[in-house]
Amino acid sequence: MVNQERHASSLIVTRERVLPWRATSFAALSEGDFAPLAALDLEIVLLGTGPRLRFPQPALTRPLLEARVGLEVMDLQAACRTYNILVAEERRVAAALLFA
C-alpha cells in the first residue's frame, strides 16, 4: 500500500508523487526502464526487486550512472522501509518497486 492505496503493478514512488513504472518484471528490465528515474532530480534510487533480492546487469542501470544517481538494490519490503527512512531524512530519493 502506498498512501492508503493498494497497487499491484510496478511503481516509482517519490516524496511528491506515485507514478506507474513501465517495468513489468525483473526479467524484463531494460535500460529504458531506468531512463525516467535518471531524469528526476534524485540522489539515490532504491530498486525493490520483488519478494527476493536480485541484481540487474550493470548495463541496464547506465542511465543512473550517467546522471550520477546512486542505486541500491534490495527486496521489495526492505526498499519500502529504507525509502521511508530516507524521506524522513529529507533525502532526494525514489523507490522503483517491482511486484513481480
C-alpha atoms as a PDB file:
ATOM      1  CA  MET A   1       0.000   0.000   0.000  1.00  0.00           C
ATOM      2  CA  VAL A   2       1.165   3.481  -0.847  1.00  0.00           C
ATOM      3  CA  ASN A   3      -0.741   6.445   0.596  1.00  0.00           C
ATOM      4  CA  GLN A   4      -3.537   4.096   1.714  1.00  0.00           C
ATOM      5  CA  GLU A   5      -3.973   2.766  -1.839  1.00  0.00           C
ATOM      6  CA  ARG A   6      -3.200  -0.806  -2.869  1.00  0.00           C
ATOM      7  CA  HIS A   7      -1.080  -1.231  -6.003  1.00  0.00           C
ATOM      8  CA  ALA A   8      -0.469  -4.417  -7.984  1.00  0.00           C
ATOM      9  CA  SER A   9       1.827  -3.169 -10.749  1.00  0.00           C
ATOM     10  CA  SER A  10       5.280  -1.607 -10.757  1.00  0.00           C
ATOM     11  CA  LEU A  11       5.652   1.906  -9.335  1.00  0.00           C
ATOM     12  CA  ILE A  12       8.042   4.776  -8.913  1.00  0.00           C
ATOM     13  CA  VAL A  13       7.467   6.481  -5.573  1.00  0.00           C
ATOM     14  CA  THR A  14       8.884   9.908  -4.725  1.00  0.00           C
ATOM     15  CA  ARG A  15       8.038  12.348  -1.966  1.00  0.00           C
ATOM     16  CA  GLU A  16       5.805  14.301  -4.342  1.00  0.00           C
ATOM     17  CA  ARG A  17       4.064  11.573  -6.336  1.00  0.00           C
ATOM     18  CA  VAL A  18       3.399   7.953  -7.168  1.00  0.00           C
ATOM     19  CA  LEU A  19       3.961   7.111 -10.835  1.00  0.00           C
ATOM     20  CA  PRO A  20       3.302   3.954 -12.815  1.00  0.00           C
ATOM     21  CA  TRP A  21       6.552   2.323 -13.928  1.00  0.00           C
ATOM     22  CA  ARG A  22       6.618   0.606 -17.297  1.00  0.00           C
ATOM     23  CA  ALA A  23       8.890  -2.158 -15.990  1.00  0.00           C
ATOM     24  CA  THR A  24       6.672  -5.236 -15.764  1.00  0.00           C
ATOM     25  CA  SER A  25       9.045  -7.708 -14.105  1.00  0.00           C
ATOM     26  CA  PHE A  26      12.649  -8.154 -13.071  1.00  0.00           C
ATOM     27  CA  ALA A  27      13.329 -10.453 -16.019  1.00  0.00           C
ATOM     28  CA  ALA A  28      12.029  -7.832 -18.448  1.00  0.00           C
ATOM     29  CA  LEU A  29      14.067  -4.875 -17.111  1.00  0.00           C
ATOM     30  CA  SER A  30      15.782  -2.800 -19.775  1.00  0.00           C
ATOM     31  CA  GLU A  31      17.994   0.269 -19.872  1.00  0.00           C
ATOM     32  CA  GLY A  32      14.946   2.273 -20.941  1.00  0.00           C
ATOM     33  CA  ASP A  33      13.201   1.451 -17.665  1.00  0.00           C
ATOM     34  CA  PHE A  34      15.866   3.396 -15.751  1.00  0.00           C
ATOM     35  CA  ALA A  35      15.889   6.479 -18.001  1.00  0.00           C
ATOM     36  CA  PRO A  36      12.801   8.089 -16.381  1.00  0.00           C
ATOM     37  CA  LEU A  37      14.438   7.690 -12.973  1.00  0.00           C
ATOM     38  CA  ALA A  38      17.635   9.316 -14.210  1.00  0.00           C
ATOM     39  CA  ALA A  39      15.609  12.322 -15.381  1.00  0.00           C
ATOM     40  CA  LEU A  40      14.333  13.034 -11.865  1.00  0.00           C
ATOM     41  CA  ASP A  41      16.348  15.240  -9.502  1.00  0.00           C
ATOM     42  CA  LEU A  42      17.491  12.425  -7.201  1.00  0.00           C
ATOM     43  CA  GLU A  43      20.417  11.423  -5.033  1.00  0.00           C
ATOM     44  CA  ILE A  44      19.505   7.769  -4.912  1.00  0.00           C
ATOM     45  CA  VAL A  45      17.135   5.176  -6.338  1.00  0.00           C
ATOM     46  CA  LEU A  46      16.068   2.193  -4.275  1.00  0.00           C
ATOM     47  CA  LEU A  47      15.250  -0.733  -6.556  1.00  0.00           C
ATOM     48  CA  GLY A  48      12.842  -3.158  -4.906  1.00  0.00           C
ATOM     49  CA  THR A  49      13.168  -6.381  -6.877  1.00  0.00           C
ATOM     50  CA  GLY A  50      10.074  -8.162  -5.573  1.00  0.00           C
ATOM     51  CA  PRO A  51       9.959 -10.810  -2.858  1.00  0.00           C
ATOM     52  CA  ARG A  52      13.655 -11.669  -3.209  1.00  0.00           C
ATOM     53  CA  LEU A  53      16.853  -9.757  -3.826  1.00  0.00           C
ATOM     54  CA  ARG A  54      18.114  -9.866  -7.424  1.00  0.00           C
ATOM     55  CA  PHE A  55      20.748  -7.668  -9.035  1.00  0.00           C
ATOM     56  CA  PRO A  56      20.227  -6.228 -12.522  1.00  0.00           C
ATOM     57  CA  GLN A  57      23.008  -6.314 -15.083  1.00  0.00           C
ATOM     58  CA  PRO A  58      25.094  -3.108 -14.705  1.00  0.00           C
ATOM     59  CA  ALA A  59      24.492  -2.117 -18.338  1.00  0.00           C
ATOM     60  CA  LEU A  60      20.771  -1.785 -17.596  1.00  0.00           C
ATOM     61  CA  THR A  61      21.333   0.879 -14.956  1.00  0.00           C
ATOM     62  CA  ARG A  62      23.679   3.006 -17.075  1.00  0.00           C
ATOM     63  CA  PRO A  63      21.228   5.960 -17.234  1.00  0.00           C
ATOM     64  CA  LEU A  64      21.511   6.304 -13.450  1.00  0.00           C
ATOM     65  CA  LEU A  65      25.295   6.146 -13.547  1.00  0.00           C
ATOM     66  CA  GLU A  66      25.451   8.787 -16.261  1.00  0.00           C
ATOM     67  CA  ALA A  67      23.098  11.048 -14.246  1.00  0.00           C
ATOM     68  CA  ARG A  68      25.232  10.486 -11.122  1.00  0.00           C
ATOM     69  CA  VAL A  69      22.323   8.939  -9.234  1.00  0.00           C
ATOM     70  CA  GLY A  70      23.143   6.235  -6.709  1.00  0.00           C
ATOM     71  CA  LEU A  71      21.408   2.861  -6.854  1.00  0.00           C
ATOM     72  CA  GLU A  72      20.682   0.475  -4.001  1.00  0.00           C
ATOM     73  CA  VAL A  73      19.116  -2.889  -4.793  1.00  0.00           C
ATOM     74  CA  MET A  74      17.039  -4.780  -2.233  1.00  0.00           C
ATOM     75  CA  ASP A  75      13.921  -6.863  -1.889  1.00  0.00           C
ATOM     76  CA  LEU A  76      10.577  -5.058  -2.002  1.00  0.00           C
ATOM     77  CA  GLN A  77       9.994  -4.866   1.756  1.00  0.00           C
ATOM     78  CA  ALA A  78      13.498  -3.593   2.506  1.00  0.00           C
ATOM     79  CA  ALA A  79      13.197  -0.971  -0.251  1.00  0.00           C
ATOM     80  CA  CYS A  80       9.955   0.336   1.262  1.00  0.00           C
ATOM     81  CA  ARG A  81      11.422   0.522   4.782  1.00  0.00           C
ATOM     82  CA  THR A  82      14.584   2.234   3.554  1.00  0.00           C
ATOM     83  CA  TYR A  83      12.583   4.673   1.430  1.00  0.00           C
ATOM     84  CA  ASN A  84      10.605   5.808   4.488  1.00  0.00           C
ATOM     85  CA  ILE A  85      13.796   6.394   6.462  1.00  0.00           C
ATOM     86  CA  LEU A  86      15.457   8.398   3.675  1.00  0.00           C
ATOM     87  CA  VAL A  87      12.337  10.510   3.074  1.00  0.00           C
ATOM     88  CA  ALA A  88      12.235  11.294   6.799  1.00  0.00           C
ATOM     89  CA  GLU A  89      15.861  12.479   6.459  1.00  0.00           C
ATOM     90  CA  GLU A  90      14.706  14.737   3.588  1.00  0.00           C
ATOM     91  CA  ARG A  91      16.868  12.948   1.040  1.00  0.00           C
ATOM     92  CA  ARG A  92      16.077  13.150  -2.685  1.00  0.00           C
ATOM     93  CA  VAL A  93      15.102   9.524  -3.128  1.00  0.00           C
ATOM     94  CA  ALA A  94      12.813   7.409  -5.280  1.00  0.00           C
ATOM     95  CA  ALA A  95      11.727   3.830  -4.817  1.00  0.00           C
ATOM     96  CA  ALA A  96      11.374   1.838  -8.041  1.00  0.00           C
ATOM     97  CA  LEU A  97       9.219  -1.089  -6.986  1.00  0.00           C
ATOM     98  CA  LEU A  98       8.675  -4.325  -8.880  1.00  0.00           C
ATOM     99  CA  PHE A  99       5.867  -6.557  -7.674  1.00  0.00           C
ATOM    100  CA  ALA A 100       6.660  -9.482  -9.999  1.00  0.00           C
END
